[in-house]
PDB file of all heavy atoms in Angstrom:
ATOM      1  N   MET A   1       9.550   3.721 -13.421  1.00  0.00           N
ATOM      2  CA  MET A   1      10.301   4.125 -12.272  1.00  0.00           C
ATOM      3  C   MET A   1       9.551   5.231 -11.595  1.00  0.00           C
ATOM      4  O   MET A   1       9.469   5.356 -10.403  1.00  0.00           O
ATOM      5  CB  MET A   1      11.701   4.662 -12.699  1.00  0.00           C
ATOM      6  CG  MET A   1      12.645   5.000 -11.542  1.00  0.00           C
ATOM      7  SD  MET A   1      14.306   5.670 -12.176  1.00  0.00           S
ATOM      8  CE  MET A   1      14.852   4.141 -13.046  1.00  0.00           C
ATOM      9  N   MET A   2       9.145   6.177 -12.451  1.00  0.00           N
ATOM     10  CA  MET A   2       8.310   7.512 -11.925  1.00  0.00           C
ATOM     11  C   MET A   2       7.045   6.907 -11.204  1.00  0.00           C
ATOM     12  O   MET A   2       6.672   7.394 -10.116  1.00  0.00           O
ATOM     13  CB  MET A   2       7.992   8.397 -12.968  1.00  0.00           C
ATOM     14  CG  MET A   2       9.190   9.046 -13.628  1.00  0.00           C
ATOM     15  SD  MET A   2      10.176   9.976 -12.419  1.00  0.00           S
ATOM     16  CE  MET A   2       9.064  11.307 -11.839  1.00  0.00           C
ATOM     17  N   GLU A   3       6.354   5.886 -11.844  1.00  0.00           N
ATOM     18  CA  GLU A   3       5.223   5.314 -11.170  1.00  0.00           C
ATOM     19  C   GLU A   3       5.489   4.653  -9.870  1.00  0.00           C
ATOM     20  O   GLU A   3       4.781   4.816  -8.865  1.00  0.00           O
ATOM     21  CB  GLU A   3       4.585   4.356 -12.140  1.00  0.00           C
ATOM     22  CG  GLU A   3       3.401   3.690 -11.642  1.00  0.00           C
ATOM     23  CD  GLU A   3       2.689   2.761 -12.599  1.00  0.00           C
ATOM     24  OE1 GLU A   3       3.265   2.493 -13.692  1.00  0.00           O
ATOM     25  OE2 GLU A   3       1.715   2.175 -12.277  1.00  0.00           O
ATOM     26  N   GLN A   4       6.628   3.906  -9.778  1.00  0.00           N
ATOM     27  CA  GLN A   4       7.105   3.300  -8.532  1.00  0.00           C
ATOM     28  C   GLN A   4       7.368   4.295  -7.626  1.00  0.00           C
ATOM     29  O   GLN A   4       7.045   4.130  -6.424  1.00  0.00           O
ATOM     30  CB  GLN A   4       8.217   2.310  -8.802  1.00  0.00           C
ATOM     31  CG  GLN A   4       8.055   1.212  -9.632  1.00  0.00           C
ATOM     32  CD  GLN A   4       9.116   0.319  -9.891  1.00  0.00           C
ATOM     33  OE1 GLN A   4      10.338   0.628  -9.451  1.00  0.00           O
ATOM     34  NE2 GLN A   4       8.948  -0.951 -10.427  1.00  0.00           N
ATOM     35  N   LEU A   5       8.093   5.427  -7.977  1.00  0.00           N
ATOM     36  CA  LEU A   5       8.414   6.477  -6.969  1.00  0.00           C
ATOM     37  C   LEU A   5       7.042   7.129  -6.535  1.00  0.00           C
ATOM     38  O   LEU A   5       7.030   7.462  -5.160  1.00  0.00           O
ATOM     39  CB  LEU A   5       9.242   7.513  -7.668  1.00  0.00           C
ATOM     40  CG  LEU A   5      10.659   7.066  -8.070  1.00  0.00           C
ATOM     41  CD1 LEU A   5      11.425   8.145  -8.706  1.00  0.00           C
ATOM     42  CD2 LEU A   5      11.470   6.736  -6.682  1.00  0.00           C
ATOM     43  N   SER A   6       6.014   7.224  -7.352  1.00  0.00           N
ATOM     44  CA  SER A   6       4.887   7.921  -6.912  1.00  0.00           C
ATOM     45  C   SER A   6       3.991   6.931  -6.030  1.00  0.00           C
ATOM     46  O   SER A   6       3.092   7.404  -5.259  1.00  0.00           O
ATOM     47  CB  SER A   6       4.051   8.303  -8.049  1.00  0.00           C
ATOM     48  OG  SER A   6       3.568   7.255  -8.851  1.00  0.00           O
ATOM     49  N   GLU A   7       4.313   5.554  -6.094  1.00  0.00           N
ATOM     50  CA  GLU A   7       3.468   4.681  -5.359  1.00  0.00           C
ATOM     51  C   GLU A   7       4.394   3.989  -4.121  1.00  0.00           C
ATOM     52  O   GLU A   7       3.808   3.096  -3.575  1.00  0.00           O
ATOM     53  CB  GLU A   7       2.870   3.526  -6.212  1.00  0.00           C
ATOM     54  CG  GLU A   7       1.980   4.038  -7.315  1.00  0.00           C
ATOM     55  CD  GLU A   7       1.464   2.978  -8.145  1.00  0.00           C
ATOM     56  OE1 GLU A   7       1.993   1.799  -8.021  1.00  0.00           O
ATOM     57  OE2 GLU A   7       0.430   3.125  -8.761  1.00  0.00           O
ATOM     58  N   ARG A   8       5.477   4.405  -4.013  1.00  0.00           N
ATOM     59  CA  ARG A   8       6.392   3.822  -3.032  1.00  0.00           C
ATOM     60  C   ARG A   8       6.878   4.844  -1.986  1.00  0.00           C
ATOM     61  O   ARG A   8       7.139   6.026  -2.406  1.00  0.00           O
ATOM     62  CB  ARG A   8       7.605   3.127  -3.661  1.00  0.00           C
ATOM     63  CG  ARG A   8       7.368   1.980  -4.548  1.00  0.00           C
ATOM     64  CD  ARG A   8       6.954   0.699  -3.678  1.00  0.00           C
ATOM     65  NE  ARG A   8       6.533  -0.325  -4.558  1.00  0.00           N
ATOM     66  CZ  ARG A   8       6.198  -1.528  -3.974  1.00  0.00           C
ATOM     67  NH1 ARG A   8       6.312  -1.705  -2.815  1.00  0.00           N
ATOM     68  NH2 ARG A   8       5.695  -2.467  -4.807  1.00  0.00           N
ATOM     69  N   ASP A   9       6.894   4.504  -0.822  1.00  0.00           N
ATOM     70  CA  ASP A   9       7.499   5.385   0.266  1.00  0.00           C
ATOM     71  C   ASP A   9       8.910   5.494   0.069  1.00  0.00           C
ATOM     72  O   ASP A   9       9.674   4.487  -0.034  1.00  0.00           O
ATOM     73  CB  ASP A   9       7.167   4.818   1.667  1.00  0.00           C
ATOM     74  CG  ASP A   9       7.808   5.679   2.763  1.00  0.00           C
ATOM     75  OD1 ASP A   9       7.596   6.763   2.831  1.00  0.00           O
ATOM     76  OD2 ASP A   9       8.670   4.991   3.554  1.00  0.00           O
ATOM     77  N   PRO A  10       9.529   6.719  -0.070  1.00  0.00           N
ATOM     78  CA  PRO A  10      10.920   6.739  -0.419  1.00  0.00           C
ATOM     79  C   PRO A  10      11.839   6.399   0.642  1.00  0.00           C
ATOM     80  O   PRO A  10      12.900   6.066   0.348  1.00  0.00           O
ATOM     81  CB  PRO A  10      11.059   8.373  -0.709  1.00  0.00           C
ATOM     82  CG  PRO A  10       9.840   9.019   0.020  1.00  0.00           C
ATOM     83  CD  PRO A  10       8.756   7.919  -0.098  1.00  0.00           C
ATOM     84  N   LEU A  11      11.417   6.355   2.025  1.00  0.00           N
ATOM     85  CA  LEU A  11      12.278   5.987   3.002  1.00  0.00           C
ATOM     86  C   LEU A  11      12.281   4.449   3.085  1.00  0.00           C
ATOM     87  O   LEU A  11      13.430   3.852   3.215  1.00  0.00           O
ATOM     88  CB  LEU A  11      11.791   6.616   4.255  1.00  0.00           C
ATOM     89  CG  LEU A  11      12.572   6.298   5.551  1.00  0.00           C
ATOM     90  CD1 LEU A  11      13.947   6.802   5.573  1.00  0.00           C
ATOM     91  CD2 LEU A  11      11.872   6.846   6.828  1.00  0.00           C
ATOM     92  N   THR A  12      11.289   3.825   3.213  1.00  0.00           N
ATOM     93  CA  THR A  12      11.196   2.240   3.445  1.00  0.00           C
ATOM     94  C   THR A  12      11.088   1.490   2.304  1.00  0.00           C
ATOM     95  O   THR A  12      11.279   0.304   2.275  1.00  0.00           O
ATOM     96  CB  THR A  12       9.982   2.060   4.408  1.00  0.00           C
ATOM     97  OG1 THR A  12       8.868   2.332   3.722  1.00  0.00           O
ATOM     98  CG2 THR A  12      10.174   2.832   5.674  1.00  0.00           C
ATOM     99  N   GLY A  13      10.610   2.214   1.161  1.00  0.00           N
ATOM    100  CA  GLY A  13      10.483   1.275  -0.165  1.00  0.00           C
ATOM    101  C   GLY A  13       9.189   0.640  -0.096  1.00  0.00           C
ATOM    102  O   GLY A  13       8.864  -0.134  -1.021  1.00  0.00           O
ATOM    103  N   LEU A  14       8.349   0.682   0.959  1.00  0.00           N
ATOM    104  CA  LEU A  14       7.017  -0.023   1.009  1.00  0.00           C
ATOM    105  C   LEU A  14       6.019   0.746   0.127  1.00  0.00           C
ATOM    106  O   LEU A  14       6.208   2.031  -0.283  1.00  0.00           O
ATOM    107  CB  LEU A  14       6.488  -0.128   2.392  1.00  0.00           C
ATOM    108  CG  LEU A  14       7.304  -0.899   3.360  1.00  0.00           C
ATOM    109  CD1 LEU A  14       6.643  -0.817   4.670  1.00  0.00           C
ATOM    110  CD2 LEU A  14       7.487  -2.287   3.034  1.00  0.00           C
ATOM    111  N   MET A  15       4.851   0.088  -0.235  1.00  0.00           N
ATOM    112  CA  MET A  15       3.765   0.675  -0.837  1.00  0.00           C
ATOM    113  C   MET A  15       3.320   1.828   0.051  1.00  0.00           C
ATOM    114  O   MET A  15       3.148   1.823   1.196  1.00  0.00           O
ATOM    115  CB  MET A  15       2.735  -0.258  -1.166  1.00  0.00           C
ATOM    116  CG  MET A  15       1.402   0.272  -1.973  1.00  0.00           C
ATOM    117  SD  MET A  15       0.119  -0.888  -2.235  1.00  0.00           S
ATOM    118  CE  MET A  15       0.834  -2.311  -2.943  1.00  0.00           C
ATOM    119  N   ASN A  16       2.943   2.986  -0.723  1.00  0.00           N
ATOM    120  CA  ASN A  16       2.413   4.142   0.091  1.00  0.00           C
ATOM    121  C   ASN A  16       0.887   4.148   0.216  1.00  0.00           C
ATOM    122  O   ASN A  16       0.282   3.264  -0.487  1.00  0.00           O
ATOM    123  CB  ASN A  16       2.998   5.434  -0.433  1.00  0.00           C
ATOM    124  CG  ASN A  16       2.589   5.670  -1.780  1.00  0.00           C
ATOM    125  OD1 ASN A  16       1.593   5.255  -2.307  1.00  0.00           O
ATOM    126  ND2 ASN A  16       3.451   6.565  -2.395  1.00  0.00           N
ATOM    127  N   ARG A  17       0.266   5.086   0.957  1.00  0.00           N
ATOM    128  CA  ARG A  17      -1.089   5.144   1.004  1.00  0.00           C
ATOM    129  C   ARG A  17      -1.748   5.427  -0.243  1.00  0.00           C
ATOM    130  O   ARG A  17      -2.859   4.901  -0.528  1.00  0.00           O
ATOM    131  CB  ARG A  17      -1.468   6.296   1.926  1.00  0.00           C
ATOM    132  CG  ARG A  17      -2.951   6.413   2.384  1.00  0.00           C
ATOM    133  CD  ARG A  17      -3.259   7.217   3.513  1.00  0.00           C
ATOM    134  NE  ARG A  17      -4.595   7.350   3.691  1.00  0.00           N
ATOM    135  CZ  ARG A  17      -5.166   7.601   4.926  1.00  0.00           C
ATOM    136  NH1 ARG A  17      -4.263   7.801   5.997  1.00  0.00           N
ATOM    137  NH2 ARG A  17      -6.385   7.590   5.179  1.00  0.00           N
ATOM    138  N   ARG A  18      -1.205   6.233  -1.124  1.00  0.00           N
ATOM    139  CA  ARG A  18      -1.931   6.565  -2.393  1.00  0.00           C
ATOM    140  C   ARG A  18      -1.890   5.289  -3.195  1.00  0.00           C
ATOM    141  O   ARG A  18      -3.138   5.075  -3.888  1.00  0.00           O
ATOM    142  CB  ARG A  18      -1.031   7.454  -3.189  1.00  0.00           C
ATOM    143  CG  ARG A  18      -1.493   7.881  -4.557  1.00  0.00           C
ATOM    144  CD  ARG A  18      -0.412   8.728  -5.227  1.00  0.00           C
ATOM    145  NE  ARG A  18      -0.846   8.939  -6.570  1.00  0.00           N
ATOM    146  CZ  ARG A  18      -0.232   9.622  -7.468  1.00  0.00           C
ATOM    147  NH1 ARG A  18       0.963  10.253  -7.125  1.00  0.00           N
ATOM    148  NH2 ARG A  18      -0.429   9.734  -8.710  1.00  0.00           N
ATOM    149  N   ALA A  19      -1.018   4.352  -3.336  1.00  0.00           N
ATOM    150  CA  ALA A  19      -1.178   3.061  -3.987  1.00  0.00           C
ATOM    151  C   ALA A  19      -2.124   2.271  -3.428  1.00  0.00           C
ATOM    152  O   ALA A  19      -2.845   1.550  -4.192  1.00  0.00           O
ATOM    153  CB  ALA A  19       0.287   2.539  -4.157  1.00  0.00           C
ATOM    154  N   LEU A  20      -2.073   2.170  -2.196  1.00  0.00           N
ATOM    155  CA  LEU A  20      -2.951   1.150  -1.463  1.00  0.00           C
ATOM    156  C   LEU A  20      -4.464   1.594  -1.633  1.00  0.00           C
ATOM    157  O   LEU A  20      -5.290   0.740  -2.032  1.00  0.00           O
ATOM    158  CB  LEU A  20      -2.683   1.295   0.171  1.00  0.00           C
ATOM    159  CG  LEU A  20      -3.668   0.416   0.919  1.00  0.00           C
ATOM    160  CD1 LEU A  20      -3.669  -1.040   0.553  1.00  0.00           C
ATOM    161  CD2 LEU A  20      -3.361   0.563   2.396  1.00  0.00           C
ATOM    162  N   GLU A  21      -4.673   2.869  -1.544  1.00  0.00           N
ATOM    163  CA  GLU A  21      -6.162   3.363  -1.853  1.00  0.00           C
ATOM    164  C   GLU A  21      -6.552   3.056  -3.206  1.00  0.00           C
ATOM    165  O   GLU A  21      -7.818   2.652  -3.550  1.00  0.00           O
ATOM    166  CB  GLU A  21      -6.278   4.739  -1.517  1.00  0.00           C
ATOM    167  CG  GLU A  21      -6.256   5.180  -0.023  1.00  0.00           C
ATOM    168  CD  GLU A  21      -6.467   6.553   0.336  1.00  0.00           C
ATOM    169  OE1 GLU A  21      -6.726   7.260  -0.742  1.00  0.00           O
ATOM    170  OE2 GLU A  21      -6.381   6.876   1.397  1.00  0.00           O
ATOM    171  N   ALA A  22      -5.674   3.254  -4.211  1.00  0.00           N
ATOM    172  CA  ALA A  22      -5.897   2.993  -5.632  1.00  0.00           C
ATOM    173  C   ALA A  22      -6.207   1.457  -5.817  1.00  0.00           C
ATOM    174  O   ALA A  22      -7.096   1.004  -6.676  1.00  0.00           O
ATOM    175  CB  ALA A  22      -4.979   3.555  -6.468  1.00  0.00           C
ATOM    176  N   ARG A  23      -5.465   0.617  -5.264  1.00  0.00           N
ATOM    177  CA  ARG A  23      -5.511  -0.829  -5.497  1.00  0.00           C
ATOM    178  C   ARG A  23      -6.374  -1.606  -4.493  1.00  0.00           C
ATOM    179  O   ARG A  23      -6.501  -2.824  -4.552  1.00  0.00           O
ATOM    180  CB  ARG A  23      -4.202  -1.373  -5.584  1.00  0.00           C
ATOM    181  CG  ARG A  23      -3.260  -0.785  -6.678  1.00  0.00           C
ATOM    182  CD  ARG A  23      -1.968  -1.288  -6.544  1.00  0.00           C
ATOM    183  NE  ARG A  23      -1.728  -2.858  -6.618  1.00  0.00           N
ATOM    184  CZ  ARG A  23      -0.779  -3.500  -6.373  1.00  0.00           C
ATOM    185  NH1 ARG A  23       0.376  -2.854  -5.962  1.00  0.00           N
ATOM    186  NH2 ARG A  23      -0.773  -4.745  -6.322  1.00  0.00           N
ATOM    187  N   PHE A  24      -6.935  -0.874  -3.567  1.00  0.00           N
ATOM    188  CA  PHE A  24      -7.617  -1.571  -2.392  1.00  0.00           C
ATOM    189  C   PHE A  24      -8.664  -2.639  -2.831  1.00  0.00           C
ATOM    190  O   PHE A  24      -8.771  -3.702  -2.358  1.00  0.00           O
ATOM    191  CB  PHE A  24      -8.035  -0.597  -1.327  1.00  0.00           C
ATOM    192  CG  PHE A  24      -8.557  -1.328  -0.048  1.00  0.00           C
ATOM    193  CD1 PHE A  24      -7.642  -1.766   0.854  1.00  0.00           C
ATOM    194  CD2 PHE A  24      -9.851  -1.432   0.351  1.00  0.00           C
ATOM    195  CE1 PHE A  24      -7.962  -2.335   2.001  1.00  0.00           C
ATOM    196  CE2 PHE A  24     -10.299  -2.000   1.386  1.00  0.00           C
ATOM    197  CZ  PHE A  24      -9.325  -2.492   2.284  1.00  0.00           C
ATOM    198  N   GLY A  25      -9.540  -2.132  -3.734  1.00  0.00           N
ATOM    199  CA  GLY A  25     -10.621  -2.957  -4.106  1.00  0.00           C
ATOM    200  C   GLY A  25     -10.270  -4.323  -4.777  1.00  0.00           C
ATOM    201  O   GLY A  25     -10.718  -5.284  -4.571  1.00  0.00           O
ATOM    202  N   GLU A  26      -9.080  -4.064  -5.640  1.00  0.00           N
ATOM    203  CA  GLU A  26      -8.645  -5.180  -6.443  1.00  0.00           C
ATOM    204  C   GLU A  26      -7.855  -6.159  -5.348  1.00  0.00           C
ATOM    205  O   GLU A  26      -8.067  -7.402  -5.484  1.00  0.00           O
ATOM    206  CB  GLU A  26      -7.588  -4.834  -7.539  1.00  0.00           C
ATOM    207  CG  GLU A  26      -6.988  -5.934  -8.266  1.00  0.00           C
ATOM    208  CD  GLU A  26      -7.944  -6.701  -9.094  1.00  0.00           C
ATOM    209  OE1 GLU A  26      -8.979  -6.169  -9.402  1.00  0.00           O
ATOM    210  OE2 GLU A  26      -7.557  -8.028  -9.217  1.00  0.00           O
ATOM    211  N   LEU A  27      -7.329  -5.658  -4.375  1.00  0.00           N
ATOM    212  CA  LEU A  27      -6.525  -6.544  -3.419  1.00  0.00           C
ATOM    213  C   LEU A  27      -7.647  -7.205  -2.551  1.00  0.00           C
ATOM    214  O   LEU A  27      -7.369  -8.357  -2.213  1.00  0.00           O
ATOM    215  CB  LEU A  27      -5.796  -5.789  -2.523  1.00  0.00           C
ATOM    216  CG  LEU A  27      -4.595  -5.128  -3.120  1.00  0.00           C
ATOM    217  CD1 LEU A  27      -3.664  -4.168  -2.222  1.00  0.00           C
ATOM    218  CD2 LEU A  27      -3.527  -6.211  -3.599  1.00  0.00           C
ATOM    219  N   ARG A  28      -8.811  -6.639  -2.290  1.00  0.00           N
ATOM    220  CA  ARG A  28      -9.847  -7.334  -1.472  1.00  0.00           C
ATOM    221  C   ARG A  28     -10.313  -8.455  -2.345  1.00  0.00           C
ATOM    222  O   ARG A  28     -10.583  -9.574  -1.956  1.00  0.00           O
ATOM    223  CB  ARG A  28     -10.912  -6.307  -1.226  1.00  0.00           C
ATOM    224  CG  ARG A  28     -10.555  -5.420  -0.090  1.00  0.00           C
ATOM    225  CD  ARG A  28     -10.560  -6.040   1.245  1.00  0.00           C
ATOM    226  NE  ARG A  28     -11.982  -6.497   1.749  1.00  0.00           N
ATOM    227  CZ  ARG A  28     -12.392  -7.653   1.881  1.00  0.00           C
ATOM    228  NH1 ARG A  28     -11.625  -8.631   1.660  1.00  0.00           N
ATOM    229  NH2 ARG A  28     -13.628  -7.777   2.164  1.00  0.00           N
ATOM    230  N   ARG A  29     -10.483  -8.175  -3.720  1.00  0.00           N
ATOM    231  CA  ARG A  29     -10.966  -9.218  -4.522  1.00  0.00           C
ATOM    232  C   ARG A  29     -10.015 -10.460  -4.714  1.00  0.00           C
ATOM    233  O   ARG A  29     -10.451 -11.520  -5.085  1.00  0.00           O
ATOM    234  CB  ARG A  29     -11.351  -8.735  -5.980  1.00  0.00           C
ATOM    235  CG  ARG A  29     -12.771  -7.894  -5.909  1.00  0.00           C
ATOM    236  CD  ARG A  29     -13.181  -7.433  -7.182  1.00  0.00           C
ATOM    237  NE  ARG A  29     -12.190  -6.498  -7.909  1.00  0.00           N
ATOM    238  CZ  ARG A  29     -12.303  -5.193  -7.805  1.00  0.00           C
ATOM    239  NH1 ARG A  29     -13.297  -4.630  -7.006  1.00  0.00           N
ATOM    240  NH2 ARG A  29     -11.487  -4.394  -8.363  1.00  0.00           N
ATOM    241  N   GLN A  30      -8.782 -10.147  -4.481  1.00  0.00           N
ATOM    242  CA  GLN A  30      -7.728 -11.255  -4.591  1.00  0.00           C
ATOM    243  C   GLN A  30      -7.650 -11.990  -3.243  1.00  0.00           C
ATOM    244  O   GLN A  30      -6.805 -12.914  -3.304  1.00  0.00           O
ATOM    245  CB  GLN A  30      -6.427 -10.544  -4.925  1.00  0.00           C
ATOM    246  CG  GLN A  30      -6.250  -9.973  -6.250  1.00  0.00           C
ATOM    247  CD  GLN A  30      -4.878  -9.321  -6.557  1.00  0.00           C
ATOM    248  OE1 GLN A  30      -4.064  -9.405  -5.751  1.00  0.00           O
ATOM    249  NE2 GLN A  30      -4.856  -8.602  -7.749  1.00  0.00           N
ATOM    250  N   GLY A  31      -8.526 -11.689  -2.339  1.00  0.00           N
ATOM    251  CA  GLY A  31      -8.558 -12.440  -1.116  1.00  0.00           C
ATOM    252  C   GLY A  31      -7.803 -11.861   0.109  1.00  0.00           C
ATOM    253  O   GLY A  31      -7.760 -12.452   1.165  1.00  0.00           O
ATOM    254  N   PHE A  32      -7.281 -10.752   0.089  1.00  0.00           N
ATOM    255  CA  PHE A  32      -6.646 -10.075   1.238  1.00  0.00           C
ATOM    256  C   PHE A  32      -7.780  -9.499   2.121  1.00  0.00           C
ATOM    257  O   PHE A  32      -8.198  -8.452   1.940  1.00  0.00           O
ATOM    258  CB  PHE A  32      -5.725  -8.935   0.781  1.00  0.00           C
ATOM    259  CG  PHE A  32      -4.395  -9.417   0.093  1.00  0.00           C
ATOM    260  CD1 PHE A  32      -4.452  -9.641  -1.273  1.00  0.00           C
ATOM    261  CD2 PHE A  32      -3.332  -9.684   0.877  1.00  0.00           C
ATOM    262  CE1 PHE A  32      -3.315 -10.062  -1.884  1.00  0.00           C
ATOM    263  CE2 PHE A  32      -2.125 -10.239   0.234  1.00  0.00           C
ATOM    264  CZ  PHE A  32      -2.089 -10.360  -1.120  1.00  0.00           C
ATOM    265  N   ASP A  33      -8.116 -10.428   3.086  1.00  0.00           N
ATOM    266  CA  ASP A  33      -9.219 -10.077   3.878  1.00  0.00           C
ATOM    267  C   ASP A  33      -8.987  -9.874   5.507  1.00  0.00           C
ATOM    268  O   ASP A  33      -9.747  -9.654   6.223  1.00  0.00           O
ATOM    269  CB  ASP A  33     -10.360 -11.260   3.923  1.00  0.00           C
ATOM    270  CG  ASP A  33      -9.649 -12.622   4.203  1.00  0.00           C
ATOM    271  OD1 ASP A  33      -8.532 -12.590   4.654  1.00  0.00           O
ATOM    272  OD2 ASP A  33     -10.275 -13.607   3.856  1.00  0.00           O
ATOM    273  N   THR A  34      -7.681  -9.683   5.684  1.00  0.00           N
ATOM    274  CA  THR A  34      -7.162  -9.220   7.041  1.00  0.00           C
ATOM    275  C   THR A  34      -6.531  -7.910   6.952  1.00  0.00           C
ATOM    276  O   THR A  34      -5.559  -7.880   6.312  1.00  0.00           O
ATOM    277  CB  THR A  34      -6.407 -10.327   7.657  1.00  0.00           C
ATOM    278  OG1 THR A  34      -7.134 -11.662   7.681  1.00  0.00           O
ATOM    279  CG2 THR A  34      -5.831  -9.909   9.082  1.00  0.00           C
ATOM    280  N   PHE A  35      -7.079  -6.963   7.759  1.00  0.00           N
ATOM    281  CA  PHE A  35      -6.479  -5.613   7.662  1.00  0.00           C
ATOM    282  C   PHE A  35      -6.019  -5.311   9.054  1.00  0.00           C
ATOM    283  O   PHE A  35      -6.652  -5.254  10.170  1.00  0.00           O
ATOM    284  CB  PHE A  35      -7.656  -4.709   7.458  1.00  0.00           C
ATOM    285  CG  PHE A  35      -7.248  -3.246   7.167  1.00  0.00           C
ATOM    286  CD1 PHE A  35      -7.070  -2.665   6.038  1.00  0.00           C
ATOM    287  CD2 PHE A  35      -7.048  -2.461   8.293  1.00  0.00           C
ATOM    288  CE1 PHE A  35      -6.637  -1.277   5.747  1.00  0.00           C
ATOM    289  CE2 PHE A  35      -6.691  -0.974   8.109  1.00  0.00           C
ATOM    290  CZ  PHE A  35      -6.557  -0.539   6.867  1.00  0.00           C
ATOM    291  N   ALA A  36      -4.570  -5.072   9.233  1.00  0.00           N
ATOM    292  CA  ALA A  36      -3.931  -4.779  10.495  1.00  0.00           C
ATOM    293  C   ALA A  36      -3.230  -3.553  10.335  1.00  0.00           C
ATOM    294  O   ALA A  36      -2.418  -3.147   9.538  1.00  0.00           O
ATOM    295  CB  ALA A  36      -2.801  -5.885  10.696  1.00  0.00           C
ATOM    296  N   LEU A  37      -3.588  -2.621  11.445  1.00  0.00           N
ATOM    297  CA  LEU A  37      -3.053  -1.291  11.443  1.00  0.00           C
ATOM    298  C   LEU A  37      -2.035  -1.291  12.646  1.00  0.00           C
ATOM    299  O   LEU A  37      -2.140  -1.610  13.771  1.00  0.00           O
ATOM    300  CB  LEU A  37      -4.057  -0.319  11.751  1.00  0.00           C
ATOM    301  CG  LEU A  37      -3.659   1.265  11.895  1.00  0.00           C
ATOM    302  CD1 LEU A  37      -3.048   1.681  10.608  1.00  0.00           C
ATOM    303  CD2 LEU A  37      -4.956   2.098  12.232  1.00  0.00           C
ATOM    304  N   ILE A  38      -0.717  -0.933  12.323  1.00  0.00           N
ATOM    305  CA  ILE A  38       0.379  -0.919  13.237  1.00  0.00           C
ATOM    306  C   ILE A  38       0.952   0.509  13.445  1.00  0.00           C
ATOM    307  O   ILE A  38       1.086   1.188  12.512  1.00  0.00           O
ATOM    308  CB  ILE A  38       1.598  -1.930  12.721  1.00  0.00           C
ATOM    309  CG1 ILE A  38       1.021  -3.338  12.460  1.00  0.00           C
ATOM    310  CG2 ILE A  38       2.691  -1.939  13.607  1.00  0.00           C
ATOM    311  CD1 ILE A  38       2.077  -4.185  11.767  1.00  0.00           C
ATOM    312  N   ASP A  39       1.226   0.623  14.734  1.00  0.00           N
ATOM    313  CA  ASP A  39       1.701   1.995  15.139  1.00  0.00           C
ATOM    314  C   ASP A  39       2.868   1.837  16.121  1.00  0.00           C
ATOM    315  O   ASP A  39       2.721   1.057  17.040  1.00  0.00           O
ATOM    316  CB  ASP A  39       0.679   2.896  15.702  1.00  0.00           C
ATOM    317  CG  ASP A  39       1.217   4.274  15.922  1.00  0.00           C
ATOM    318  OD1 ASP A  39       1.057   5.130  14.969  1.00  0.00           O
ATOM    319  OD2 ASP A  39       1.677   4.624  16.955  1.00  0.00           O
ATOM    320  N   LEU A  40       4.174   2.399  15.933  1.00  0.00           N
ATOM    321  CA  LEU A  40       5.133   2.379  16.940  1.00  0.00           C
ATOM    322  C   LEU A  40       4.834   3.021  18.151  1.00  0.00           C
ATOM    323  O   LEU A  40       4.226   4.212  18.053  1.00  0.00           O
ATOM    324  CB  LEU A  40       6.553   2.775  16.283  1.00  0.00           C
ATOM    325  CG  LEU A  40       7.007   2.019  15.030  1.00  0.00           C
ATOM    326  CD1 LEU A  40       8.383   2.623  14.600  1.00  0.00           C
ATOM    327  CD2 LEU A  40       7.257   0.589  15.451  1.00  0.00           C
ATOM    328  N   ASP A  41       5.164   2.397  19.347  1.00  0.00           N
ATOM    329  CA  ASP A  41       4.834   3.081  20.591  1.00  0.00           C
ATOM    330  C   ASP A  41       5.901   4.186  20.886  1.00  0.00           C
ATOM    331  O   ASP A  41       6.988   3.904  20.806  1.00  0.00           O
ATOM    332  CB  ASP A  41       4.680   2.065  21.580  1.00  0.00           C
ATOM    333  CG  ASP A  41       3.574   0.983  21.335  1.00  0.00           C
ATOM    334  OD1 ASP A  41       2.688   1.390  20.814  1.00  0.00           O
ATOM    335  OD2 ASP A  41       3.949  -0.302  21.727  1.00  0.00           O
TER     336      ASP A  41
END
């Protein structure tokens, strides 16, 4: 639970930046080859 809290955004429940950076290499090796950056206008 604490690990999830540290890797999850408390407002939205999505993975946070810390978790993404830690797992990015593994995700790339798993085939996630499209990177989309979204920003609300």
